[in-house]
Amino acid sequence: MITRRIGAIALAAVCAAVPLTALSASAAQAGTAAFLGPVKCAPISNNELCARGITGSPGGYDVAYHKNEGSKITARFRLMCINGFQKDDNGPFSISAGQVKSFVFAVGNQGSCRVRMQDITNGGYYYSPYVVP
């Protein structure tokens, strides 16, 4: 497991690649600040599946898949929490080498959770480390 910290500016740059209206709109409307926890990553060959908790309102969990090499795939994210809570992303996405795709689960604090990435193209499942907001 790899642990690293990325500042809010870097997160914004990474997250700009996909729609994150659920977190952005809610946080802006609520007028509260979100605080980002440490990024925890799991290697998938020479790629990485990373997650972090987000405190504040609405709070939740941020996941990013860094595809450094390999063929284009179609994948999905699912948030899976120790308390039994589960939530899928907004649908399958395609990702190619050199891209990063991310998603924010704006579900509040569900305790310790991890993200499962389903590789629909090749039939595999990969898991991020557990994180908390």
N, C-alpha and C. Protein backbone atom coordinates (compact mmCIF):
# COMPACT_ATOMS: atom_id res chain seq x y z
N MET A 1 0.84 -1.17 0.00
CA MET A 1 0.00 0.00 0.00
C MET A 1 0.89 1.24 0.00
N ILE A 2 0.52 2.21 -0.81
CA ILE A 2 1.27 3.45 -0.94
C ILE A 2 0.42 4.55 -0.33
N THR A 3 1.01 5.41 0.51
CA THR A 3 0.28 6.53 1.08
C THR A 3 0.96 7.81 0.64
N ARG A 4 0.14 8.78 0.18
CA ARG A 4 0.72 10.07 -0.20
C ARG A 4 -0.30 11.17 0.02
N ARG A 5 0.17 12.39 0.16
CA ARG A 5 -0.70 13.54 0.34
C ARG A 5 -0.66 14.39 -0.91
N ILE A 6 -1.85 14.80 -1.36
CA ILE A 6 -1.97 15.71 -2.49
C ILE A 6 -2.76 16.91 -2.01
N GLY A 7 -2.30 18.11 -2.31
CA GLY A 7 -2.99 19.32 -1.89
C GLY A 7 -4.31 19.50 -2.62
N ALA A 8 -5.12 20.42 -2.12
CA ALA A 8 -6.44 20.69 -2.71
C ALA A 8 -6.33 21.12 -4.16
N ILE A 9 -5.28 21.84 -4.52
CA ILE A 9 -5.12 22.29 -5.90
C ILE A 9 -4.89 21.09 -6.81
N ALA A 10 -4.08 20.16 -6.38
CA ALA A 10 -3.82 18.97 -7.19
C ALA A 10 -5.09 18.14 -7.33
N LEU A 11 -5.87 18.01 -6.25
CA LEU A 11 -7.12 17.27 -6.33
C LEU A 11 -8.06 17.91 -7.33
N ALA A 12 -8.16 19.22 -7.32
CA ALA A 12 -9.03 19.92 -8.26
C ALA A 12 -8.60 19.64 -9.69
N ALA A 13 -7.31 19.62 -9.94
CA ALA A 13 -6.82 19.35 -11.29
C ALA A 13 -7.14 17.93 -11.72
N VAL A 14 -6.98 16.97 -10.82
CA VAL A 14 -7.28 15.58 -11.13
C VAL A 14 -8.77 15.40 -11.33
N CYS A 15 -9.57 15.99 -10.46
CA CYS A 15 -11.02 15.80 -10.50
C CYS A 15 -11.68 16.54 -11.65
N ALA A 16 -11.00 17.47 -12.25
CA ALA A 16 -11.59 18.21 -13.36
C ALA A 16 -11.87 17.31 -14.56
N ALA A 17 -11.30 16.13 -14.57
CA ALA A 17 -11.46 15.22 -15.70
C ALA A 17 -12.85 14.60 -15.79
N VAL A 18 -13.59 14.57 -14.67
CA VAL A 18 -14.93 13.98 -14.68
C VAL A 18 -15.89 14.87 -13.92
N PRO A 19 -17.20 14.73 -14.17
CA PRO A 19 -18.17 15.57 -13.47
C PRO A 19 -18.20 15.26 -11.98
N LEU A 20 -18.12 16.28 -11.17
CA LEU A 20 -18.19 16.12 -9.72
C LEU A 20 -19.22 17.08 -9.15
N THR A 21 -20.29 17.29 -9.86
CA THR A 21 -21.27 18.29 -9.46
C THR A 21 -21.90 17.99 -8.11
N ALA A 22 -22.01 16.73 -7.73
CA ALA A 22 -22.65 16.41 -6.46
C ALA A 22 -21.91 17.05 -5.29
N LEU A 23 -20.58 16.92 -5.28
CA LEU A 23 -19.82 17.51 -4.19
C LEU A 23 -19.68 19.00 -4.37
N SER A 24 -19.33 19.45 -5.55
CA SER A 24 -19.07 20.86 -5.77
C SER A 24 -20.29 21.72 -5.48
N ALA A 25 -21.43 21.35 -6.00
CA ALA A 25 -22.64 22.15 -5.81
C ALA A 25 -23.06 22.15 -4.35
N SER A 26 -23.04 20.97 -3.72
CA SER A 26 -23.49 20.88 -2.34
C SER A 26 -22.58 21.67 -1.41
N ALA A 27 -21.27 21.53 -1.59
CA ALA A 27 -20.33 22.23 -0.72
C ALA A 27 -20.46 23.73 -0.91
N ALA A 28 -20.64 24.18 -2.16
CA ALA A 28 -20.76 25.61 -2.41
C ALA A 28 -22.06 26.15 -1.82
N GLN A 29 -23.15 25.40 -1.94
CA GLN A 29 -24.42 25.85 -1.41
C GLN A 29 -24.40 25.89 0.11
N ALA A 30 -23.74 24.92 0.70
CA ALA A 30 -23.69 24.86 2.15
C ALA A 30 -22.74 25.91 2.72
N GLY A 31 -21.82 26.40 1.91
CA GLY A 31 -20.87 27.41 2.37
C GLY A 31 -19.87 26.86 3.36
N THR A 32 -19.58 25.57 3.29
CA THR A 32 -18.63 24.96 4.21
C THR A 32 -17.40 24.51 3.46
N ALA A 33 -16.33 24.35 4.19
CA ALA A 33 -15.08 23.90 3.58
C ALA A 33 -14.98 22.39 3.70
N ALA A 34 -14.40 21.78 2.70
CA ALA A 34 -14.13 20.34 2.75
C ALA A 34 -12.65 20.17 3.07
N PHE A 35 -12.35 19.21 3.92
CA PHE A 35 -10.98 18.92 4.27
C PHE A 35 -10.66 17.52 3.78
N LEU A 36 -9.51 17.40 3.13
CA LEU A 36 -9.13 16.17 2.48
C LEU A 36 -8.16 15.38 3.33
N GLY A 37 -8.43 14.10 3.49
CA GLY A 37 -7.54 13.23 4.22
C GLY A 37 -6.39 12.76 3.36
N PRO A 38 -5.52 11.93 3.92
CA PRO A 38 -4.40 11.42 3.14
C PRO A 38 -4.87 10.47 2.03
N VAL A 39 -4.17 10.51 0.93
CA VAL A 39 -4.46 9.62 -0.20
C VAL A 39 -3.78 8.28 0.08
N LYS A 40 -4.55 7.20 -0.07
CA LYS A 40 -4.01 5.84 0.09
C LYS A 40 -4.23 5.10 -1.22
N CYS A 41 -3.16 4.51 -1.74
CA CYS A 41 -3.22 3.88 -3.06
C CYS A 41 -2.87 2.40 -3.01
N ALA A 42 -3.46 1.66 -3.92
CA ALA A 42 -3.14 0.25 -4.11
C ALA A 42 -2.61 0.10 -5.54
N PRO A 43 -1.44 -0.53 -5.71
CA PRO A 43 -0.91 -0.73 -7.05
C PRO A 43 -1.71 -1.79 -7.82
N ILE A 44 -1.90 -1.54 -9.11
CA ILE A 44 -2.50 -2.51 -10.03
C ILE A 44 -1.53 -2.56 -11.20
N SER A 45 -0.61 -3.51 -11.17
CA SER A 45 0.53 -3.54 -12.10
C SER A 45 1.26 -2.20 -11.97
N ASN A 46 1.39 -1.44 -13.05
CA ASN A 46 2.04 -0.13 -12.96
C ASN A 46 1.01 1.01 -12.91
N ASN A 47 -0.23 0.69 -12.55
CA ASN A 47 -1.30 1.66 -12.39
C ASN A 47 -1.63 1.75 -10.90
N GLU A 48 -2.51 2.71 -10.50
CA GLU A 48 -2.87 2.87 -9.10
C GLU A 48 -4.34 3.19 -8.94
N LEU A 49 -4.94 2.60 -7.91
CA LEU A 49 -6.29 2.93 -7.48
C LEU A 49 -6.16 3.60 -6.12
N CYS A 50 -6.58 4.86 -6.06
CA CYS A 50 -6.36 5.66 -4.85
C CYS A 50 -7.68 6.15 -4.26
N ALA A 51 -7.72 6.31 -2.94
CA ALA A 51 -8.90 6.82 -2.26
C ALA A 51 -8.48 7.75 -1.13
N ARG A 52 -9.41 8.61 -0.73
CA ARG A 52 -9.22 9.49 0.42
C ARG A 52 -10.58 9.88 0.96
N GLY A 53 -10.63 10.18 2.25
CA GLY A 53 -11.85 10.66 2.87
C GLY A 53 -11.94 12.17 2.75
N ILE A 54 -13.17 12.69 2.75
CA ILE A 54 -13.42 14.13 2.67
C ILE A 54 -14.34 14.49 3.83
N THR A 55 -13.89 15.39 4.71
CA THR A 55 -14.75 15.84 5.80
C THR A 55 -15.46 17.11 5.38
N GLY A 56 -16.40 17.55 6.16
CA GLY A 56 -17.16 18.76 5.85
C GLY A 56 -18.56 18.38 5.41
N SER A 57 -19.20 19.30 4.75
CA SER A 57 -20.57 19.04 4.31
C SER A 57 -20.64 19.10 2.79
N PRO A 58 -20.99 18.08 2.08
CA PRO A 58 -21.59 16.86 2.61
C PRO A 58 -20.57 15.81 3.04
N GLY A 59 -19.31 15.97 2.69
CA GLY A 59 -18.29 14.98 3.04
C GLY A 59 -18.49 13.69 2.26
N GLY A 60 -17.53 12.81 2.39
CA GLY A 60 -17.63 11.53 1.69
C GLY A 60 -16.27 10.97 1.35
N TYR A 61 -16.15 10.47 0.12
CA TYR A 61 -14.97 9.73 -0.29
C TYR A 61 -14.63 10.06 -1.74
N ASP A 62 -13.35 10.21 -2.01
CA ASP A 62 -12.86 10.52 -3.35
C ASP A 62 -12.02 9.34 -3.82
N VAL A 63 -12.24 8.90 -5.06
CA VAL A 63 -11.47 7.81 -5.63
C VAL A 63 -10.89 8.26 -6.96
N ALA A 64 -9.70 7.79 -7.28
CA ALA A 64 -9.07 8.10 -8.57
C ALA A 64 -8.30 6.87 -9.05
N TYR A 65 -8.45 6.61 -10.36
CA TYR A 65 -7.68 5.54 -10.99
C TYR A 65 -6.68 6.19 -11.92
N HIS A 66 -5.40 5.93 -11.66
CA HIS A 66 -4.29 6.47 -12.46
C HIS A 66 -3.84 5.37 -13.41
N LYS A 67 -4.19 5.49 -14.68
CA LYS A 67 -3.82 4.47 -15.68
C LYS A 67 -2.55 4.94 -16.38
N ASN A 68 -1.44 4.41 -15.96
CA ASN A 68 -0.14 4.80 -16.50
C ASN A 68 0.23 4.04 -17.77
N GLU A 69 -0.28 2.82 -17.90
CA GLU A 69 0.05 2.00 -19.07
C GLU A 69 -1.03 0.97 -19.29
N GLY A 70 -0.96 0.29 -20.42
CA GLY A 70 -1.90 -0.77 -20.75
C GLY A 70 -2.98 -0.31 -21.71
N SER A 71 -3.77 -1.26 -22.15
CA SER A 71 -4.84 -1.02 -23.12
C SER A 71 -6.00 -0.26 -22.49
N LYS A 72 -6.78 0.38 -23.34
CA LYS A 72 -7.99 1.07 -22.91
C LYS A 72 -8.95 0.06 -22.29
N ILE A 73 -9.59 0.46 -21.18
CA ILE A 73 -10.57 -0.39 -20.52
C ILE A 73 -11.84 0.41 -20.21
N THR A 74 -12.90 -0.32 -19.93
CA THR A 74 -14.12 0.26 -19.38
C THR A 74 -14.23 -0.25 -17.96
N ALA A 75 -14.55 0.66 -17.03
CA ALA A 75 -14.55 0.30 -15.61
C ALA A 75 -15.69 1.00 -14.87
N ARG A 76 -15.89 0.60 -13.61
CA ARG A 76 -16.87 1.22 -12.71
C ARG A 76 -16.28 1.25 -11.31
N PHE A 77 -16.74 2.24 -10.51
CA PHE A 77 -16.37 2.33 -9.10
C PHE A 77 -17.58 1.97 -8.23
N ARG A 78 -17.32 1.32 -7.10
CA ARG A 78 -18.34 1.07 -6.07
C ARG A 78 -17.72 1.34 -4.71
N LEU A 79 -18.37 2.20 -3.92
CA LEU A 79 -17.96 2.46 -2.55
C LEU A 79 -18.50 1.33 -1.67
N MET A 80 -17.63 0.75 -0.84
CA MET A 80 -18.01 -0.37 0.02
C MET A 80 -17.50 -0.08 1.43
N CYS A 81 -18.43 0.06 2.38
CA CYS A 81 -18.08 0.46 3.75
C CYS A 81 -18.25 -0.70 4.73
N ILE A 82 -17.47 -0.66 5.79
CA ILE A 82 -17.52 -1.69 6.81
C ILE A 82 -18.91 -1.78 7.44
N ASN A 83 -19.63 -0.63 7.52
CA ASN A 83 -20.96 -0.63 8.13
C ASN A 83 -22.04 -1.23 7.21
N GLY A 84 -21.66 -1.71 6.02
CA GLY A 84 -22.59 -2.32 5.09
C GLY A 84 -23.08 -1.38 3.99
N PHE A 85 -22.80 -0.09 4.11
CA PHE A 85 -23.23 0.88 3.11
C PHE A 85 -22.47 0.64 1.81
N GLN A 86 -23.18 0.65 0.67
CA GLN A 86 -22.57 0.53 -0.64
C GLN A 86 -23.23 1.50 -1.60
N LYS A 87 -22.47 2.04 -2.53
CA LYS A 87 -23.02 2.95 -3.53
C LYS A 87 -22.16 2.86 -4.78
N ASP A 88 -22.84 2.79 -5.94
CA ASP A 88 -22.14 2.76 -7.22
C ASP A 88 -21.94 4.18 -7.75
N ASP A 89 -20.97 4.34 -8.64
CA ASP A 89 -20.76 5.61 -9.32
C ASP A 89 -21.91 5.85 -10.30
N ASN A 90 -21.77 6.83 -11.19
CA ASN A 90 -22.84 7.18 -12.13
C ASN A 90 -22.85 6.36 -13.41
N GLY A 91 -22.03 5.33 -13.51
CA GLY A 91 -22.02 4.48 -14.69
C GLY A 91 -20.62 4.21 -15.19
N PRO A 92 -20.50 3.27 -16.11
CA PRO A 92 -19.18 2.88 -16.63
C PRO A 92 -18.47 4.05 -17.32
N PHE A 93 -17.15 4.00 -17.26
CA PHE A 93 -16.31 4.99 -17.94
C PHE A 93 -15.18 4.27 -18.65
N SER A 94 -14.66 4.90 -19.69
CA SER A 94 -13.50 4.38 -20.41
C SER A 94 -12.27 5.16 -19.98
N ILE A 95 -11.14 4.46 -19.92
CA ILE A 95 -9.89 5.11 -19.54
C ILE A 95 -8.75 4.47 -20.34
N SER A 96 -7.85 5.32 -20.82
CA SER A 96 -6.69 4.90 -21.59
C SER A 96 -5.42 5.25 -20.83
N ALA A 97 -4.31 4.66 -21.27
CA ALA A 97 -3.00 4.95 -20.67
C ALA A 97 -2.75 6.45 -20.71
N GLY A 98 -2.22 6.98 -19.60
CA GLY A 98 -1.92 8.40 -19.49
C GLY A 98 -3.07 9.22 -18.92
N GLN A 99 -4.21 8.58 -18.61
CA GLN A 99 -5.36 9.30 -18.07
C GLN A 99 -5.57 8.99 -16.59
N VAL A 100 -6.30 9.89 -15.93
CA VAL A 100 -6.76 9.70 -14.56
C VAL A 100 -8.26 9.96 -14.56
N LYS A 101 -9.02 9.04 -13.99
CA LYS A 101 -10.46 9.22 -13.83
C LYS A 101 -10.77 9.17 -12.34
N SER A 102 -11.63 10.08 -11.90
CA SER A 102 -11.96 10.13 -10.48
C SER A 102 -13.45 10.31 -10.28
N PHE A 103 -13.89 10.06 -9.05
CA PHE A 103 -15.30 10.21 -8.69
C PHE A 103 -15.37 10.52 -7.21
N VAL A 104 -16.30 11.41 -6.85
CA VAL A 104 -16.54 11.72 -5.44
C VAL A 104 -17.87 11.13 -5.02
N PHE A 105 -17.84 10.32 -3.97
CA PHE A 105 -19.05 9.80 -3.36
C PHE A 105 -19.41 10.76 -2.23
N ALA A 106 -20.35 11.67 -2.48
CA ALA A 106 -20.77 12.68 -1.50
C ALA A 106 -21.88 12.08 -0.65
N VAL A 107 -21.50 11.17 0.25
CA VAL A 107 -22.47 10.40 1.04
C VAL A 107 -22.32 10.64 2.53
N GLY A 108 -21.55 11.64 2.92
CA GLY A 108 -21.31 11.88 4.34
C GLY A 108 -20.34 10.86 4.90
N ASN A 109 -20.20 10.87 6.21
CA ASN A 109 -19.26 9.98 6.88
C ASN A 109 -19.91 8.62 7.11
N GLN A 110 -19.45 7.63 6.39
CA GLN A 110 -19.93 6.25 6.53
C GLN A 110 -18.91 5.39 7.28
N GLY A 111 -17.92 6.05 7.89
CA GLY A 111 -16.88 5.31 8.60
C GLY A 111 -15.82 4.83 7.63
N SER A 112 -15.24 3.70 7.94
CA SER A 112 -14.15 3.14 7.15
C SER A 112 -14.71 2.50 5.87
N CYS A 113 -14.24 2.99 4.71
CA CYS A 113 -14.72 2.50 3.42
C CYS A 113 -13.55 2.31 2.46
N ARG A 114 -13.78 1.49 1.47
CA ARG A 114 -12.84 1.34 0.37
C ARG A 114 -13.63 1.38 -0.94
N VAL A 115 -12.92 1.49 -2.04
CA VAL A 115 -13.57 1.52 -3.34
C VAL A 115 -13.15 0.29 -4.13
N ARG A 116 -14.14 -0.35 -4.72
CA ARG A 116 -13.88 -1.47 -5.63
C ARG A 116 -13.98 -0.93 -7.05
N MET A 117 -12.96 -1.21 -7.86
CA MET A 117 -13.03 -0.88 -9.27
C MET A 117 -13.24 -2.17 -10.04
N GLN A 118 -14.31 -2.19 -10.83
CA GLN A 118 -14.58 -3.34 -11.67
C GLN A 118 -14.05 -3.05 -13.06
N ASP A 119 -13.13 -3.87 -13.54
CA ASP A 119 -12.62 -3.79 -14.90
C ASP A 119 -13.58 -4.60 -15.77
N ILE A 120 -14.53 -3.91 -16.39
CA ILE A 120 -15.56 -4.57 -17.19
C ILE A 120 -14.94 -5.23 -18.42
N THR A 121 -13.94 -4.62 -19.00
CA THR A 121 -13.29 -5.13 -20.20
C THR A 121 -12.65 -6.49 -19.98
N ASN A 122 -11.92 -6.63 -18.89
CA ASN A 122 -11.16 -7.86 -18.63
C ASN A 122 -11.74 -8.74 -17.53
N GLY A 123 -12.79 -8.25 -16.86
CA GLY A 123 -13.45 -9.07 -15.85
C GLY A 123 -12.81 -9.09 -14.49
N GLY A 124 -11.92 -8.14 -14.17
CA GLY A 124 -11.26 -8.14 -12.86
C GLY A 124 -11.87 -7.15 -11.88
N TYR A 125 -11.58 -7.37 -10.59
CA TYR A 125 -11.98 -6.46 -9.52
C TYR A 125 -10.72 -6.05 -8.75
N TYR A 126 -10.63 -4.76 -8.40
CA TYR A 126 -9.48 -4.21 -7.68
C TYR A 126 -10.00 -3.34 -6.56
N TYR A 127 -9.27 -3.30 -5.44
CA TYR A 127 -9.74 -2.60 -4.25
C TYR A 127 -8.72 -1.58 -3.77
N SER A 128 -9.23 -0.41 -3.39
CA SER A 128 -8.38 0.61 -2.76
C SER A 128 -8.21 0.24 -1.29
N PRO A 129 -7.25 0.85 -0.62
CA PRO A 129 -7.17 0.69 0.84
C PRO A 129 -8.39 1.37 1.50
N TYR A 130 -8.66 1.01 2.75
CA TYR A 130 -9.73 1.66 3.50
C TYR A 130 -9.31 3.07 3.89
N VAL A 131 -10.26 4.00 3.82
CA VAL A 131 -10.05 5.38 4.24
C VAL A 131 -11.25 5.84 5.08
N VAL A 132 -11.07 6.91 5.83
CA VAL A 132 -12.15 7.51 6.62
C VAL A 132 -12.14 9.03 6.39
N PRO A 133 -13.32 9.64 6.47
CA PRO A 133 -13.37 11.11 6.32
C PRO A 133 -12.76 11.80 7.54
